[in-house]
Protein backbone atom coordinates (compact mmCIF):
# COMPACT_ATOMS: atom_id res chain seq x y z
CA MET A 1 137.08 105.64 82.04
CA GLY A 2 140.55 104.13 81.97
CA ASN A 3 141.89 102.91 85.28
CA GLN A 4 139.39 104.60 87.61
CA THR A 5 138.33 101.31 89.17
CA GLU A 6 141.92 100.29 89.82
CA VAL A 7 142.76 103.66 91.36
CA LYS A 8 139.75 103.48 93.69
CA LYS A 9 140.54 99.88 94.63
CA ASN A 10 144.16 100.67 95.45
CA PHE A 11 143.79 104.03 97.15
CA GLY A 12 140.42 103.81 98.88
CA PRO A 13 141.51 101.36 101.61
CA ARG A 14 144.84 103.16 102.02
CA ALA A 15 143.61 106.75 102.02
CA SER A 16 144.73 107.47 105.57
CA ASN A 17 148.27 106.36 104.66
CA TYR A 18 148.43 109.19 102.17
CA ARG A 19 147.01 111.82 104.50
CA LEU A 20 149.78 110.90 106.95
CA SER A 21 152.49 110.52 104.27
CA SER A 22 155.62 112.55 104.97
CA THR A 23 156.41 112.43 101.24
CA HIS A 24 153.16 114.03 100.11
CA GLY A 25 153.04 116.43 103.06
CA ASN A 26 156.70 117.47 103.01
CA PRO A 27 156.68 121.12 104.20
CA ALA A 28 159.70 122.12 102.10
CA ASP A 29 158.10 120.73 98.94
CA LEU A 30 154.83 122.52 99.65
CA GLN A 31 156.61 125.79 100.36
CA ARG A 32 158.55 125.48 97.10
CA MET A 33 155.21 125.05 95.30
CA ILE A 34 153.85 128.22 96.91
CA ASP A 35 157.04 130.11 96.02
CA ARG A 36 156.81 128.94 92.40
CA ILE A 37 153.12 129.86 92.03
CA ASN A 38 153.31 133.07 94.10
CA PRO A 39 149.51 133.11 94.46
CA SER A 40 147.49 136.26 95.00
CA SER A 41 145.21 136.41 98.02
CA GLY A 42 142.12 136.73 95.82
CA ALA A 43 142.87 133.72 93.64
CA ILE A 44 140.58 130.71 93.13
CA ALA A 45 142.55 127.46 92.89
CA LEU A 46 141.83 123.92 91.73
CA ASP A 47 143.75 121.01 93.26
CA VAL A 48 143.54 118.03 90.91
CA ALA A 49 143.67 114.59 92.56
CA THR A 50 144.04 116.07 96.02
CA GLY A 51 144.71 112.75 97.74
CA GLY A 52 145.32 113.49 101.40
CA GLY A 53 144.70 117.20 100.81
CA HIS A 54 148.23 118.52 101.30
CA THR A 55 148.28 120.68 98.17
CA ALA A 56 144.81 122.07 98.81
CA LEU A 57 145.66 122.98 102.41
CA ALA A 58 148.87 124.74 101.42
CA LEU A 59 147.06 126.76 98.77
CA ALA A 60 144.08 127.52 101.03
CA LYS A 61 146.36 129.44 103.39
CA CYS A 62 147.35 131.80 100.56
CA VAL A 63 144.28 132.20 98.31
CA LYS A 64 140.58 133.06 98.57
CA ASP A 65 139.12 129.63 97.79
CA VAL A 66 140.23 126.16 96.73
CA VAL A 67 138.31 123.37 95.03
CA ALA A 68 139.90 120.00 95.82
CA ILE A 69 138.92 117.09 93.60
CA ASP A 70 139.62 113.37 93.53
CA ILE A 71 137.94 110.30 92.04
CA THR A 72 138.33 108.37 95.31
CA PRO A 73 135.75 109.36 97.95
CA GLU A 74 137.88 107.93 100.77
CA MET A 75 140.69 110.28 99.80
CA LEU A 76 138.35 113.25 99.96
CA ALA A 77 137.18 112.13 103.40
CA GLU A 78 140.79 112.09 104.62
CA ALA A 79 141.45 115.50 103.08
CA LYS A 80 138.42 116.87 104.93
CA ILE A 81 139.83 115.51 108.19
CA ALA A 82 143.13 117.29 107.48
CA ALA A 83 141.31 120.56 106.79
CA ARG A 84 139.32 120.31 110.02
CA GLU A 85 142.47 119.62 112.01
CA GLU A 86 143.99 122.84 110.66
CA ASN A 87 140.75 124.84 110.97
CA ILE A 88 140.73 125.56 107.25
CA ASP A 89 137.26 126.28 105.88
CA ASN A 90 137.84 127.72 102.39
CA ILE A 91 138.13 124.38 100.55
CA ALA A 92 135.28 122.72 98.65
CA PHE A 93 135.75 118.98 98.20
CA GLN A 94 134.12 117.08 95.36
CA VAL A 95 134.42 113.86 93.36
CA GLU A 96 135.66 114.64 89.86
CA ASP A 97 137.49 112.91 87.02
CA VAL A 98 140.29 115.03 85.58
CA HIS A 99 139.54 113.63 82.12
CA ASP A 100 136.07 115.21 82.14
CA LEU A 101 135.90 118.13 84.54
CA ASN A 102 132.51 119.58 85.45
CA PHE A 103 133.77 123.16 85.49
CA LYS A 104 133.32 126.08 83.13
CA ASP A 105 136.08 127.27 80.82
CA HIS A 106 138.48 129.79 82.37
CA GLN A 107 137.18 129.27 85.93
CA PHE A 108 140.41 129.07 87.97
CA ASP A 109 143.39 131.33 88.56
CA ILE A 110 145.52 128.36 89.61
CA VAL A 111 145.39 124.66 88.69
CA ALA A 112 147.77 122.47 90.67
CA SER A 113 148.44 118.75 90.84
CA ARG A 114 151.05 116.85 92.82
CA PHE A 115 151.96 113.15 92.54
CA ALA A 116 148.96 112.34 90.36
CA VAL A 117 149.62 112.63 86.62
CA HIS A 118 151.25 109.19 86.49
CA HIS A 119 147.79 107.74 87.24
CA PHE A 120 145.99 109.53 84.40
CA SER A 121 144.89 107.01 81.76
CA ASP A 122 144.73 109.64 78.99
CA VAL A 123 147.33 112.21 79.93
CA LYS A 124 146.78 114.45 76.89
CA LYS A 125 143.05 114.71 77.55
CA ALA A 126 143.62 115.33 81.26
CA LEU A 127 146.14 118.10 80.63
CA LYS A 128 143.83 119.72 78.08
CA GLU A 129 141.04 119.71 80.65
CA MET A 130 143.32 121.29 83.26
CA CYS A 131 144.22 124.02 80.77
CA ARG A 132 140.60 124.49 79.69
CA VAL A 133 139.41 125.45 83.17
CA LEU A 134 142.40 127.74 83.74
CA LYS A 135 141.97 131.45 83.10
CA PRO A 136 144.20 133.15 80.51
CA GLY A 137 147.27 134.21 82.45
CA GLY A 138 146.43 131.64 85.13
CA LYS A 139 149.15 129.42 86.53
CA LEU A 140 149.55 125.67 86.10
CA TYR A 141 151.69 123.82 88.63
CA ILE A 142 152.56 120.14 88.35
CA LEU A 143 154.88 117.99 90.42
CA ASP A 144 154.92 114.31 89.56
CA CYS A 145 156.97 111.16 89.63
CA SER A 146 159.41 111.17 86.74
CA VAL A 147 162.18 109.06 85.26
CA PHE A 148 165.58 109.93 83.88
CA ASP A 149 165.69 110.51 80.12
CA GLY A 150 166.47 107.38 78.15
CA GLU A 151 164.76 104.30 76.75
CA GLU A 152 166.01 101.98 79.49
CA SER A 153 164.97 104.10 82.46
CA GLU A 154 161.67 105.09 80.83
CA GLU A 155 160.82 101.40 80.44
CA LYS A 156 162.35 99.75 83.50
CA ILE A 157 161.48 102.32 86.16
CA ASN A 158 157.88 102.34 84.97
CA GLN A 159 157.88 98.55 85.35
CA ILE A 160 159.00 99.04 88.95
CA GLU A 161 156.26 101.59 89.61
CA LEU A 162 153.64 99.24 88.18
CA LEU A 163 154.87 96.36 90.35
CA ARG A 164 154.29 98.52 93.41
CA ASP A 165 150.98 100.02 92.27
CA SER A 166 148.74 98.31 89.70
CA SER A 167 146.97 101.64 88.97
CA HIS A 168 150.21 103.23 87.75
CA GLN A 169 150.02 104.37 84.13
CA PHE A 170 153.27 106.14 83.24
CA SER A 171 155.92 108.38 84.76
CA TYR A 172 157.14 110.76 82.07
CA SER A 173 160.77 111.72 81.59
CA PRO A 174 161.68 115.39 81.06
CA ARG A 175 161.94 114.90 77.29
CA LEU A 176 158.47 113.33 77.16
CA TRP A 177 157.05 116.05 79.41
CA LEU A 178 158.38 118.75 77.11
CA GLN A 179 156.66 117.06 74.17
CA LEU A 180 153.36 117.05 76.09
CA LEU A 181 153.71 120.70 77.10
CA GLU A 182 154.40 121.81 73.53
CA GLU A 183 150.88 120.74 72.57
CA LEU A 184 149.21 122.92 75.22
CA PRO A 185 148.30 126.65 75.24
CA LEU A 186 150.98 127.41 77.79
CA THR A 187 154.08 129.49 78.33
CA VAL A 188 156.41 127.37 80.43
CA HIS A 189 158.26 129.43 83.03
CA LYS A 190 160.33 126.74 84.69
CA THR A 191 160.86 122.99 84.68
CA GLU A 192 163.18 121.03 86.93
CA LEU A 193 164.11 117.38 87.41
CA LEU A 194 164.54 116.68 91.10
CA GLN A 195 166.34 113.62 92.46
CA GLU A 196 164.77 112.11 95.57
CA LYS A 197 164.70 108.84 97.48
CA TYR A 198 161.95 106.41 98.33
CA GLU A 199 162.52 105.21 101.87
CA LEU A 200 162.06 101.47 102.26
CA PRO A 201 160.03 99.65 103.38
CA GLN A 202 157.69 102.67 103.76
CA TRP A 203 157.30 103.14 100.00
CA PHE A 204 156.18 99.54 99.61
CA ASP A 205 154.13 99.50 102.80
CA ARG A 206 152.09 102.58 101.85
CA MET A 207 150.65 100.64 98.89
CA GLY A 208 150.71 97.20 100.51
CA THR A 209 153.10 95.76 97.90
CA ASP A 210 153.48 92.00 98.35
CA GLU A 211 156.84 90.31 98.90
CA LYS A 212 156.96 88.76 95.42
CA HIS A 213 156.66 92.17 93.77
CA ARG A 214 159.21 93.71 96.16
CA GLU A 215 161.71 91.05 95.13
CA GLU A 216 160.97 91.66 91.44
CA VAL A 217 161.66 95.38 91.92
CA PHE A 218 165.16 94.58 93.15
CA ARG A 219 165.68 92.04 90.38
CA ILE A 220 165.00 94.78 87.83
CA LEU A 221 167.26 97.25 89.62
CA ASN A 222 170.09 94.74 89.72
CA SER A 223 169.65 94.04 85.98
CA LEU A 224 170.04 97.69 84.93
CA THR A 225 173.06 98.64 82.83
CA ALA A 226 175.96 100.30 84.60
CA GLU A 227 175.03 103.64 83.01
CA CYS A 228 171.45 103.44 84.25
CA LYS A 229 172.56 102.32 87.72
CA GLU A 230 174.56 105.54 88.01
CA ASN A 231 171.28 107.46 87.87
CA TYR A 232 169.45 104.98 90.11
CA PRO A 233 171.58 104.04 93.12
CA PHE A 234 169.71 101.87 95.60
CA GLY A 235 170.12 99.88 98.80
CA LYS A 236 168.10 97.77 101.18
CA ASP A 237 166.54 100.86 102.75
CA TYR A 238 166.12 103.18 99.76
CA ILE A 239 165.51 103.48 96.01
CA THR A 240 166.43 106.57 94.01
CA THR A 241 163.59 108.33 92.26
CA TYR A 242 162.99 111.50 90.27
CA ARG A 243 160.28 114.12 90.18
CA PHE A 244 159.52 116.65 87.48
CA GLU A 245 158.27 120.08 88.45
CA ILE A 246 156.48 122.44 86.07
CA ILE A 247 155.27 126.01 86.47
CA ALA A 248 153.55 127.52 83.45
CA ALA A 249 151.01 130.21 82.54
CA LYS A 250 148.07 129.87 80.17
CA ASN A 251 148.39 131.93 77.00
């Protein structure tokens, strides 16, 4: 389905980069997630597109059990290494596609996903699946790459993301996220747009972006309107980015 092959091609050979990524494993970000979810010790959690396993490991320290899924076997192998290194044994790892989850309805108390939704080829179907397996009253947590509201940033910043990573589908702005959430059986407790920075060249290096595409990224940034540049300052060693954070409960 969709871009599965491209995701596996791009992330399989670079799986260890993501296990070691300071962005994905940022302790402050992970603690904020735990604070937002406030999980109970008896909860069963699902980590969608676990990547290097950072989300699953953080949850596993607070809940009864975690199921960590990804479509890329190499990513799951790296996540298992991370769990062994921390002596965490309450995580089950399995290959799964978020668009067609092999789980029963209402199975999980928590469904979480970080830095993954922008790869989903059918975001509405994926989000419906995440809600389907969530228990009524269960908590949904999402943190993903985002873009500032506006036609220019929604178009141009997604072009930049695609230049870096050919499996990129779309980073949704807050206004687009709110439209998606309105269609789901959720009560949204909090959303927040967070400004961050991609450190260069690490952001490019992690995905092995070639020099031609790196130059095109800066060509696009330099061509932005003055208004858009205010929201996206950049330099030789950084690019401004945004993330959107969501905490919601299933109705």
